[in-house]
Amino acid sequence: MPVSPNPRAGARVMPRHTEPPVEEPSPPGVPPDLPLPPEEDPIPPPVEPPVAAPYR
């Protein structure tokens, strides 16, 4: 099999790693597929309904 003149020609055939890139690192000891415990889960702010202006 002849050697390709471009050394990067076969880079698209085999990826350097098989795992997808991790966007946010998980805390140590917590598997990435499990949700965080409730005490570590941020509480969303309460949503208040819009108040209509008083009629004049």
PDB file of N, CA and C in Angstrom:
ATOM      1  N   MET A   1       0.860  -1.186   0.000  1.00  0.00           N
ATOM      2  CA  MET A   1       0.000   0.000   0.000  1.00  0.00           C
ATOM      3  C   MET A   1       0.895   1.235   0.000  1.00  0.00           C
ATOM      4  N   PRO A   2       0.723   2.123  -0.957  1.00  0.00           N
ATOM      5  CA  PRO A   2       1.600   3.304  -1.021  1.00  0.00           C
ATOM      6  C   PRO A   2       1.295   4.285   0.103  1.00  0.00           C
ATOM      7  N   VAL A   3       2.325   4.988   0.516  1.00  0.00           N
ATOM      8  CA  VAL A   3       2.168   5.972   1.585  1.00  0.00           C
ATOM      9  C   VAL A   3       1.635   7.261   0.975  1.00  0.00           C
ATOM     10  N   SER A   4       0.639   7.837   1.631  1.00  0.00           N
ATOM     11  CA  SER A   4       0.045   9.071   1.120  1.00  0.00           C
ATOM     12  C   SER A   4       1.023  10.227   1.299  1.00  0.00           C
ATOM     13  N   PRO A   5       1.123  11.117   0.313  1.00  0.00           N
ATOM     14  CA  PRO A   5       2.027  12.262   0.468  1.00  0.00           C
ATOM     15  C   PRO A   5       1.572  13.223   1.564  1.00  0.00           C
ATOM     16  N   ASN A   6       0.291  13.185   1.893  1.00  0.00           N
ATOM     17  CA  ASN A   6      -0.217  14.057   2.947  1.00  0.00           C
ATOM     18  C   ASN A   6      -0.304  13.256   4.239  1.00  0.00           C
ATOM     19  N   PRO A   7       0.493  13.573   5.263  1.00  0.00           N
ATOM     20  CA  PRO A   7       0.442  12.782   6.502  1.00  0.00           C
ATOM     21  C   PRO A   7      -0.873  12.942   7.248  1.00  0.00           C
ATOM     22  N   ARG A   8      -1.628  14.002   6.978  1.00  0.00           N
ATOM     23  CA  ARG A   8      -2.897  14.216   7.674  1.00  0.00           C
ATOM     24  C   ARG A   8      -4.089  13.680   6.880  1.00  0.00           C
ATOM     25  N   ALA A   9      -3.837  12.966   5.796  1.00  0.00           N
ATOM     26  CA  ALA A   9      -4.937  12.503   4.947  1.00  0.00           C
ATOM     27  C   ALA A   9      -5.827  11.510   5.681  1.00  0.00           C
ATOM     28  N   GLY A  10      -5.261  10.666   6.535  1.00  0.00           N
ATOM     29  CA  GLY A  10      -6.058   9.662   7.238  1.00  0.00           C
ATOM     30  C   GLY A  10      -6.589  10.129   8.570  1.00  0.00           C
ATOM     31  N   ALA A  11      -6.460  11.405   8.893  1.00  0.00           N
ATOM     32  CA  ALA A  11      -6.902  11.883  10.200  1.00  0.00           C
ATOM     33  C   ALA A  11      -8.418  11.816  10.335  1.00  0.00           C
ATOM     34  N   ARG A  12      -9.138  11.901   9.212  1.00  0.00           N
ATOM     35  CA  ARG A  12     -10.594  11.876   9.300  1.00  0.00           C
ATOM     36  C   ARG A  12     -11.124  10.462   9.459  1.00  0.00           C
ATOM     37  N   VAL A  13     -10.316   9.464   9.161  1.00  0.00           N
ATOM     38  CA  VAL A  13     -10.799   8.085   9.201  1.00  0.00           C
ATOM     39  C   VAL A  13     -10.938   7.610  10.639  1.00  0.00           C
ATOM     40  N   MET A  14      -9.923   7.836  11.460  1.00  0.00           N
ATOM     41  CA  MET A  14      -9.962   7.387  12.848  1.00  0.00           C
ATOM     42  C   MET A  14      -9.921   8.597  13.778  1.00  0.00           C
ATOM     43  N   PRO A  15     -10.939   8.759  14.623  1.00  0.00           N
ATOM     44  CA  PRO A  15     -10.910   9.872  15.572  1.00  0.00           C
ATOM     45  C   PRO A  15      -9.851   9.642  16.640  1.00  0.00           C
ATOM     46  N   ARG A  16      -9.388  10.707  17.225  1.00  0.00           N
ATOM     47  CA  ARG A  16      -8.361  10.581  18.262  1.00  0.00           C
ATOM     48  C   ARG A  16      -8.927   9.980  19.534  1.00  0.00           C
ATOM     49  N   HIS A  17     -10.206  10.195  19.802  1.00  0.00           N
ATOM     50  CA  HIS A  17     -10.837   9.608  20.983  1.00  0.00           C
ATOM     51  C   HIS A  17     -12.254   9.208  20.615  1.00  0.00           C
ATOM     52  N   THR A  18     -12.789   8.220  21.342  1.00  0.00           N
ATOM     53  CA  THR A  18     -14.117   7.726  21.023  1.00  0.00           C
ATOM     54  C   THR A  18     -15.180   8.371  21.903  1.00  0.00           C
ATOM     55  N   GLU A  19     -14.800   8.985  23.029  1.00  0.00           N
ATOM     56  CA  GLU A  19     -15.780   9.590  23.913  1.00  0.00           C
ATOM     57  C   GLU A  19     -16.094  11.003  23.440  1.00  0.00           C
ATOM     58  N   PRO A  20     -17.354  11.425  23.546  1.00  0.00           N
ATOM     59  CA  PRO A  20     -17.684  12.795  23.154  1.00  0.00           C
ATOM     60  C   PRO A  20     -17.063  13.787  24.128  1.00  0.00           C
ATOM     61  N   PRO A  21     -16.767  14.995  23.683  1.00  0.00           N
ATOM     62  CA  PRO A  21     -16.175  15.982  24.595  1.00  0.00           C
ATOM     63  C   PRO A  21     -17.153  16.365  25.699  1.00  0.00           C
ATOM     64  N   VAL A  22     -16.634  16.529  26.893  1.00  0.00           N
ATOM     65  CA  VAL A  22     -17.463  16.881  28.046  1.00  0.00           C
ATOM     66  C   VAL A  22     -17.492  18.398  28.162  1.00  0.00           C
ATOM     67  N   GLU A  23     -18.695  18.967  28.171  1.00  0.00           N
ATOM     68  CA  GLU A  23     -18.806  20.423  28.235  1.00  0.00           C
ATOM     69  C   GLU A  23     -18.473  20.938  29.630  1.00  0.00           C
ATOM     70  N   GLU A  24     -19.075  20.331  30.653  1.00  0.00           N
ATOM     71  CA  GLU A  24     -18.811  20.760  32.019  1.00  0.00           C
ATOM     72  C   GLU A  24     -18.251  19.573  32.792  1.00  0.00           C
ATOM     73  N   PRO A  25     -17.110  19.733  33.455  1.00  0.00           N
ATOM     74  CA  PRO A  25     -16.569  18.625  34.242  1.00  0.00           C
ATOM     75  C   PRO A  25     -17.463  18.337  35.440  1.00  0.00           C
ATOM     76  N   SER A  26     -17.734  17.060  35.670  1.00  0.00           N
ATOM     77  CA  SER A  26     -18.572  16.691  36.803  1.00  0.00           C
ATOM     78  C   SER A  26     -17.726  16.626  38.069  1.00  0.00           C
ATOM     79  N   PRO A  27     -18.348  16.809  39.242  1.00  0.00           N
ATOM     80  CA  PRO A  27     -17.588  16.707  40.488  1.00  0.00           C
ATOM     81  C   PRO A  27     -17.009  15.306  40.645  1.00  0.00           C
ATOM     82  N   PRO A  28     -15.895  15.160  41.328  1.00  0.00           N
ATOM     83  CA  PRO A  28     -15.301  13.823  41.485  1.00  0.00           C
ATOM     84  C   PRO A  28     -16.224  12.904  42.271  1.00  0.00           C
ATOM     85  N   GLY A  29     -16.361  11.680  41.797  1.00  0.00           N
ATOM     86  CA  GLY A  29     -17.180  10.691  42.489  1.00  0.00           C
ATOM     87  C   GLY A  29     -18.623  10.668  42.022  1.00  0.00           C
ATOM     88  N   VAL A  30     -19.029  11.586  41.157  1.00  0.00           N
ATOM     89  CA  VAL A  30     -20.409  11.625  40.674  1.00  0.00           C
ATOM     90  C   VAL A  30     -20.406  11.199  39.216  1.00  0.00           C
ATOM     91  N   PRO A  31     -21.097  10.107  38.877  1.00  0.00           N
ATOM     92  CA  PRO A  31     -21.153   9.703  37.472  1.00  0.00           C
ATOM     93  C   PRO A  31     -21.841  10.784  36.644  1.00  0.00           C
ATOM     94  N   PRO A  32     -21.419  10.991  35.403  1.00  0.00           N
ATOM     95  CA  PRO A  32     -22.007  12.064  34.595  1.00  0.00           C
ATOM     96  C   PRO A  32     -23.450  11.817  34.195  1.00  0.00           C
ATOM     97  N   ASP A  33     -23.924  10.551  34.268  1.00  0.00           N
ATOM     98  CA  ASP A  33     -25.285  10.281  33.820  1.00  0.00           C
ATOM     99  C   ASP A  33     -26.307  10.458  34.947  1.00  0.00           C
ATOM    100  N   LEU A  34     -25.868  10.638  36.200  1.00  0.00           N
ATOM    101  CA  LEU A  34     -26.798  10.811  37.306  1.00  0.00           C
ATOM    102  C   LEU A  34     -26.993  12.294  37.582  1.00  0.00           C
ATOM    103  N   PRO A  35     -28.206  12.709  37.956  1.00  0.00           N
ATOM    104  CA  PRO A  35     -28.422  14.125  38.288  1.00  0.00           C
ATOM    105  C   PRO A  35     -27.748  14.479  39.607  1.00  0.00           C
ATOM    106  N   LEU A  36     -27.545  15.772  39.815  1.00  0.00           N
ATOM    107  CA  LEU A  36     -26.925  16.221  41.056  1.00  0.00           C
ATOM    108  C   LEU A  36     -27.897  16.039  42.213  1.00  0.00           C
ATOM    109  N   PRO A  37     -27.381  15.867  43.426  1.00  0.00           N
ATOM    110  CA  PRO A  37     -28.267  15.785  44.597  1.00  0.00           C
ATOM    111  C   PRO A  37     -29.081  17.071  44.735  1.00  0.00           C
ATOM    112  N   PRO A  38     -30.232  17.006  45.415  1.00  0.00           N
ATOM    113  CA  PRO A  38     -31.089  18.202  45.524  1.00  0.00           C
ATOM    114  C   PRO A  38     -30.398  19.379  46.194  1.00  0.00           C
ATOM    115  N   GLU A  39     -29.517  19.126  47.179  1.00  0.00           N
ATOM    116  CA  GLU A  39     -28.871  20.241  47.863  1.00  0.00           C
ATOM    117  C   GLU A  39     -27.887  20.972  46.953  1.00  0.00           C
ATOM    118  N   GLU A  40     -27.384  20.318  45.912  1.00  0.00           N
ATOM    119  CA  GLU A  40     -26.465  20.972  44.998  1.00  0.00           C
ATOM    120  C   GLU A  40     -27.183  21.543  43.773  1.00  0.00           C
ATOM    121  N   ASP A  41     -28.455  21.189  43.600  1.00  0.00           N
ATOM    122  CA  ASP A  41     -29.207  21.664  42.447  1.00  0.00           C
ATOM    123  C   ASP A  41     -29.635  23.104  42.703  1.00  0.00           C
ATOM    124  N   PRO A  42     -29.286  24.035  41.825  1.00  0.00           N
ATOM    125  CA  PRO A  42     -29.691  25.425  42.054  1.00  0.00           C
ATOM    126  C   PRO A  42     -31.201  25.584  41.983  1.00  0.00           C
ATOM    127  N   ILE A  43     -31.743  26.373  42.903  1.00  0.00           N
ATOM    128  CA  ILE A  43     -33.189  26.590  42.954  1.00  0.00           C
ATOM    129  C   ILE A  43     -33.531  27.726  41.996  1.00  0.00           C
ATOM    130  N   PRO A  44     -34.432  27.497  41.067  1.00  0.00           N
ATOM    131  CA  PRO A  44     -34.784  28.579  40.138  1.00  0.00           C
ATOM    132  C   PRO A  44     -35.517  29.693  40.880  1.00  0.00           C
ATOM    133  N   PRO A  45     -35.342  30.935  40.471  1.00  0.00           N
ATOM    134  CA  PRO A  45     -36.048  32.033  41.141  1.00  0.00           C
ATOM    135  C   PRO A  45     -37.547  31.926  40.905  1.00  0.00           C
ATOM    136  N   PRO A  46     -38.349  32.364  41.867  1.00  0.00           N
ATOM    137  CA  PRO A  46     -39.804  32.283  41.674  1.00  0.00           C
ATOM    138  C   PRO A  46     -40.248  33.191  40.540  1.00  0.00           C
ATOM    139  N   VAL A  47     -41.165  32.676  39.746  1.00  0.00           N
ATOM    140  CA  VAL A  47     -41.661  33.444  38.605  1.00  0.00           C
ATOM    141  C   VAL A  47     -42.933  34.155  39.037  1.00  0.00           C
ATOM    142  N   GLU A  48     -42.911  35.478  39.003  1.00  0.00           N
ATOM    143  CA  GLU A  48     -44.087  36.254  39.395  1.00  0.00           C
ATOM    144  C   GLU A  48     -44.881  36.616  38.145  1.00  0.00           C
ATOM    145  N   PRO A  49     -46.207  36.516  38.208  1.00  0.00           N
ATOM    146  CA  PRO A  49     -47.009  36.890  37.038  1.00  0.00           C
ATOM    147  C   PRO A  49     -46.926  38.396  36.816  1.00  0.00           C
ATOM    148  N   PRO A  50     -47.001  38.831  35.574  1.00  0.00           N
ATOM    149  CA  PRO A  50     -46.941  40.276  35.315  1.00  0.00           C
ATOM    150  C   PRO A  50     -48.145  40.984  35.932  1.00  0.00           C
ATOM    151  N   VAL A  51     -47.871  42.112  36.542  1.00  0.00           N
ATOM    152  CA  VAL A  51     -48.934  42.880  37.189  1.00  0.00           C
ATOM    153  C   VAL A  51     -49.423  43.944  36.211  1.00  0.00           C
ATOM    154  N   ALA A  52     -50.724  43.964  35.997  1.00  0.00           N
ATOM    155  CA  ALA A  52     -51.295  44.944  35.073  1.00  0.00           C
ATOM    156  C   ALA A  52     -51.312  46.320  35.733  1.00  0.00           C
ATOM    157  N   ALA A  53     -51.127  47.344  34.923  1.00  0.00           N
ATOM    158  CA  ALA A  53     -51.171  48.710  35.451  1.00  0.00           C
ATOM    159  C   ALA A  53     -52.601  49.051  35.863  1.00  0.00           C
ATOM    160  N   PRO A  54     -52.745  49.792  36.942  1.00  0.00           N
ATOM    161  CA  PRO A  54     -54.117  50.154  37.364  1.00  0.00           C
ATOM    162  C   PRO A  54     -54.810  51.012  36.312  1.00  0.00           C
ATOM    163  N   TYR A  55     -56.093  50.772  36.146  1.00  0.00           N
ATOM    164  CA  TYR A  55     -56.858  51.511  35.132  1.00  0.00           C
ATOM    165  C   TYR A  55     -57.134  52.917  35.635  1.00  0.00           C
ATOM    166  N   ARG A  56     -56.922  53.916  34.763  1.00  0.00           N
ATOM    167  CA  ARG A  56     -57.185  55.306  35.166  1.00  0.00           C
ATOM    168  C   ARG A  56     -58.358  55.846  34.399  1.00  0.00           C
TER     169      ARG A  56
END
